[in-house]
Amino acid sequence: MHITRVPAILYFGTPVVLISTVNEDGSYNLAPMSSVFWLGWRCILGLSATSKTPANMRRSRECVLNLPSVNEVEAVNRLARTTGSDPVPEAKLHRGYRFVRDKFGISGFTPLPSETVGAPRVRECPVQLEATVEAVHGLAEDDAALRGRVVTFETRVQRVHLEQSIVMEGDGNRVDPDKWRPLIMSFQKFYGLAPSQVHDSTLAQIPEHLYRSPDIDRGQAASRMAAD
């Protein structure tokens, strides 16, 4: 039997992403979030409009999307309720956030140079996606009470770095879902995936190369330019 209820949030479960960006003074910011989804090599991110990360992304038009596994959960948790914004935005202040300048230092994560963007990768994360900002959209623009509070970013991935241990044997361009254990956020709590799939998937019968988009070729071109 279903019942009608009014939950305050609807975070049913999405991967945790650590977004690394560059501050105005050249230092690095690192922010955990989980309002994210992918379409091909495009990634959509939802962020508080008053946070440091969206300000950096608007200015630099780039970032790195680092995906931690369940093994990095303690380091991710050390970033909880920290912000790179000084002073701390009022909304975050009410939720117990504090300003931290050195996010890498407090978390224990290690910055690693990227190849096509200025923002650093997180060495410990098994997946590191160098990306550019392609579009920025406001959310709830029709509601005066919500307008300006949340912003969505459309980013385009142009370089993918994968920890070798999660790559599929015999196909170096595919992630093996039986080896990849992403950190999942569900209703503000951390979870991992089951050690094996729960059922065969009809969609998995479609070869992955049929989803290849022109963004992949654009990403390869950016990588070649960075190498020259």
Protein backbone atom coordinates (compact mmCIF):
# COMPACT_ATOMS: atom_id res chain seq x y z
CA MET A 1 0.00 0.00 0.00
CA HIS A 2 1.31 3.43 -0.93
CA ILE A 3 0.85 6.41 1.38
CA THR A 4 1.06 10.10 0.55
CA ARG A 5 3.81 11.94 2.45
CA VAL A 6 5.79 15.19 2.21
CA PRO A 7 9.53 14.47 2.55
CA ALA A 8 11.72 17.58 2.80
CA ILE A 9 14.23 16.21 0.28
CA LEU A 10 14.07 13.73 -2.59
CA TYR A 11 17.65 12.45 -2.75
CA PHE A 12 16.81 8.85 -3.58
CA GLY A 13 20.42 7.98 -4.46
CA THR A 14 23.09 9.40 -6.77
CA PRO A 15 26.89 9.16 -6.98
CA VAL A 16 29.06 11.47 -4.91
CA VAL A 17 31.20 13.83 -7.01
CA LEU A 18 34.12 15.93 -5.80
CA ILE A 19 34.29 19.05 -7.97
CA SER A 20 37.72 20.64 -8.07
CA THR A 21 38.07 24.23 -9.29
CA VAL A 22 40.57 27.08 -9.18
CA ASN A 23 40.02 30.09 -6.91
CA GLU A 24 40.72 33.69 -7.95
CA ASP A 25 44.14 33.61 -6.29
CA GLY A 26 45.18 30.37 -8.00
CA SER A 27 44.54 28.13 -4.99
CA TYR A 28 42.27 25.09 -5.28
CA ASN A 29 38.75 24.44 -4.08
CA LEU A 30 37.25 20.99 -3.61
CA ALA A 31 33.51 20.48 -3.06
CA PRO A 32 31.49 17.27 -2.53
CA MET A 33 28.06 17.09 -4.13
CA SER A 34 25.60 14.50 -5.45
CA SER A 35 22.99 16.34 -7.52
CA VAL A 36 24.40 15.03 -10.78
CA PHE A 37 23.62 12.98 -13.87
CA TRP A 38 25.28 12.12 -17.19
CA LEU A 39 24.11 12.09 -20.79
CA GLY A 40 26.88 10.81 -23.04
CA TRP A 41 29.92 12.95 -22.31
CA ARG A 42 27.77 15.76 -20.90
CA CYS A 43 27.27 16.07 -17.16
CA ILE A 44 24.55 18.13 -15.45
CA LEU A 45 25.32 19.49 -11.99
CA GLY A 46 22.99 21.20 -9.50
CA LEU A 47 24.64 23.55 -7.01
CA SER A 48 23.78 26.21 -4.48
CA ALA A 49 24.13 29.52 -6.33
CA THR A 50 25.95 31.19 -3.42
CA SER A 51 28.71 28.57 -3.11
CA LYS A 52 32.34 28.99 -4.11
CA THR A 53 32.35 26.19 -6.69
CA PRO A 54 29.72 27.75 -9.01
CA ALA A 55 31.49 31.11 -8.75
CA ASN A 56 34.76 29.47 -9.82
CA MET A 57 33.06 27.56 -12.62
CA ARG A 58 31.36 30.67 -13.98
CA ARG A 59 34.68 32.52 -14.03
CA SER A 60 37.04 29.81 -15.31
CA ARG A 61 34.51 27.82 -17.39
CA GLU A 62 36.13 24.56 -16.31
CA CYS A 63 36.40 21.98 -13.53
CA VAL A 64 37.31 18.38 -12.78
CA LEU A 65 34.63 15.90 -11.73
CA ASN A 66 36.29 13.38 -9.44
CA LEU A 67 34.29 10.27 -8.50
CA PRO A 68 35.31 8.62 -5.23
CA SER A 69 34.75 4.96 -4.50
CA VAL A 70 33.48 3.60 -1.21
CA ASN A 71 37.12 3.39 -0.10
CA GLU A 72 37.42 7.20 0.04
CA VAL A 73 34.32 7.81 2.17
CA GLU A 74 36.16 8.99 5.29
CA ALA A 75 38.10 11.62 3.35
CA VAL A 76 34.91 12.75 1.61
CA ASN A 77 33.16 13.05 4.96
CA ARG A 78 35.88 15.38 6.24
CA LEU A 79 34.73 17.88 3.62
CA ALA A 80 31.16 17.85 4.93
CA ARG A 81 29.82 21.23 6.04
CA THR A 82 32.88 23.10 4.80
CA THR A 83 32.82 25.91 2.26
CA GLY A 84 35.38 27.89 0.31
CA SER A 85 33.22 31.01 0.60
CA ASP A 86 34.34 33.67 3.08
CA PRO A 87 32.15 34.92 4.65
CA VAL A 88 30.03 31.80 4.87
CA PRO A 89 26.68 32.30 3.06
CA GLU A 90 23.82 32.75 5.51
CA ALA A 91 21.96 29.64 4.34
CA LYS A 92 25.04 27.50 4.94
CA LEU A 93 25.80 29.21 8.24
CA HIS A 94 22.40 28.06 9.56
CA ARG A 95 23.32 24.49 8.59
CA GLY A 96 26.61 24.51 10.48
CA TYR A 97 29.06 25.13 7.65
CA ARG A 98 32.46 26.72 8.27
CA PHE A 99 35.00 28.35 5.98
CA VAL A 100 38.01 26.19 5.07
CA ARG A 101 40.64 27.57 2.72
CA ASP A 102 42.62 24.37 2.16
CA LYS A 103 40.06 21.73 1.21
CA PHE A 104 42.71 19.29 -0.01
CA GLY A 105 44.59 19.64 3.26
CA ILE A 106 41.62 19.05 5.55
CA SER A 107 40.39 16.05 3.56
CA GLY A 108 43.76 14.40 3.01
CA PHE A 109 43.19 14.21 -0.74
CA THR A 110 46.09 14.92 -3.10
CA PRO A 111 45.88 17.40 -6.00
CA LEU A 112 47.18 16.07 -9.30
CA PRO A 113 47.79 18.24 -12.42
CA SER A 114 45.19 17.92 -15.16
CA GLU A 115 46.03 17.71 -18.85
CA THR A 116 43.44 19.97 -20.49
CA VAL A 117 42.15 22.25 -17.69
CA GLY A 118 43.70 24.27 -14.89
CA ALA A 119 41.70 22.64 -12.10
CA PRO A 120 43.44 19.70 -10.40
CA ARG A 121 42.41 16.07 -10.34
CA VAL A 122 42.06 14.15 -7.07
CA ARG A 123 44.73 11.47 -7.10
CA GLU A 124 42.82 9.07 -4.84
CA CYS A 125 39.60 9.04 -6.89
CA PRO A 126 39.35 6.12 -9.34
CA VAL A 127 37.52 8.31 -11.89
CA GLN A 128 38.66 11.81 -12.89
CA LEU A 129 36.79 13.74 -15.59
CA GLU A 130 38.28 16.97 -16.92
CA ALA A 131 35.41 19.16 -18.10
CA THR A 132 34.47 22.54 -19.52
CA VAL A 133 31.36 24.56 -18.69
CA GLU A 134 29.09 24.75 -21.74
CA ALA A 135 25.98 26.38 -20.25
CA VAL A 136 24.59 27.73 -16.97
CA HIS A 137 20.89 27.74 -16.13
CA GLY A 138 18.91 29.03 -13.19
CA LEU A 139 16.38 26.77 -11.48
CA ALA A 140 12.82 27.64 -10.43
CA GLU A 141 12.97 30.96 -12.29
CA ASP A 142 9.18 31.16 -12.10
CA ASP A 143 9.18 31.18 -8.28
CA ALA A 144 10.25 34.37 -6.53
CA ALA A 145 10.98 32.49 -3.29
CA LEU A 146 13.36 30.02 -5.01
CA ARG A 147 14.75 32.10 -7.87
CA GLY A 148 18.51 32.57 -7.65
CA ARG A 149 19.08 29.93 -4.96
CA VAL A 150 20.10 26.99 -7.17
CA VAL A 151 22.00 26.92 -10.45
CA THR A 152 22.56 24.07 -12.90
CA PHE A 153 25.69 23.63 -14.98
CA GLU A 154 25.96 21.74 -18.23
CA THR A 155 29.54 20.51 -18.51
CA ARG A 156 31.29 18.68 -21.32
CA VAL A 157 33.83 16.03 -20.42
CA GLN A 158 36.96 16.24 -22.56
CA ARG A 159 39.40 13.95 -20.77
CA VAL A 160 38.68 10.72 -18.85
CA HIS A 161 41.16 9.19 -16.39
CA LEU A 162 40.36 5.74 -14.99
CA GLU A 163 42.11 3.72 -12.33
CA GLN A 164 43.36 0.63 -14.13
CA SER A 165 41.77 -1.70 -11.59
CA ILE A 166 38.23 -0.73 -12.71
CA VAL A 167 38.84 -1.06 -16.48
CA MET A 168 37.19 -4.04 -18.19
CA GLU A 169 39.58 -6.81 -19.13
CA GLY A 170 39.92 -7.05 -22.90
CA ASP A 171 38.38 -3.62 -23.55
CA GLY A 172 40.49 -0.74 -22.28
CA ASN A 173 37.82 1.89 -22.99
CA ARG A 174 35.11 0.39 -20.79
CA VAL A 175 34.53 0.55 -17.06
CA ASP A 176 33.76 -2.84 -15.53
CA PRO A 177 30.68 -2.30 -13.33
CA ASP A 178 31.58 -5.42 -11.36
CA LYS A 179 34.82 -3.72 -10.28
CA TRP A 180 33.65 -0.12 -9.91
CA ARG A 181 32.25 0.59 -6.45
CA PRO A 182 31.00 4.22 -6.50
CA LEU A 183 30.17 6.09 -3.33
CA ILE A 184 26.41 6.77 -3.28
CA MET A 185 24.55 9.48 -1.36
CA SER A 186 20.96 8.61 -0.43
CA PHE A 187 18.98 10.93 1.83
CA GLN A 188 22.23 12.45 3.17
CA LYS A 189 23.75 9.06 4.05
CA PHE A 190 26.60 7.16 2.40
CA TYR A 191 26.05 3.82 0.68
CA GLY A 192 27.78 1.55 -1.80
CA LEU A 193 26.48 -0.73 -4.52
CA ALA A 194 25.86 -4.44 -4.05
CA PRO A 195 28.89 -6.59 -4.97
CA SER A 196 27.06 -8.02 -7.99
CA GLN A 197 24.23 -7.04 -10.30
CA VAL A 198 20.77 -8.01 -9.10
CA HIS A 199 19.41 -9.02 -12.52
CA ASP A 200 20.39 -9.24 -16.17
CA SER A 201 19.77 -6.00 -18.06
CA THR A 202 18.18 -5.87 -21.50
CA LEU A 203 19.78 -2.45 -22.08
CA ALA A 204 23.20 -4.02 -21.55
CA GLN A 205 22.67 -5.91 -24.81
CA ILE A 206 23.20 -2.63 -26.69
CA PRO A 207 26.91 -2.19 -27.56
CA GLU A 208 28.33 0.83 -25.73
CA HIS A 209 29.92 2.22 -28.91
CA LEU A 210 26.43 2.96 -30.26
CA TYR A 211 26.17 5.70 -27.63
CA ARG A 212 29.36 7.41 -28.82
CA SER A 213 28.80 11.15 -29.31
CA PRO A 214 30.74 13.89 -31.15
CA ASP A 215 31.84 15.18 -27.73
CA ILE A 216 34.32 12.32 -27.56
CA ASP A 217 36.06 13.54 -30.71
CA ARG A 218 36.07 17.09 -29.33
CA GLY A 219 37.64 15.81 -26.15
CA GLN A 220 40.31 13.94 -28.08
CA ALA A 221 41.10 17.10 -30.04
CA ALA A 222 41.46 19.09 -26.81
CA SER A 223 43.83 16.46 -25.46
CA ARG A 224 45.99 16.64 -28.59
CA MET A 225 46.13 20.43 -28.36
CA ALA A 226 47.16 20.23 -24.70
CA ALA A 227 49.96 17.80 -25.61
CA ASP A 228 51.39 20.02 -28.40
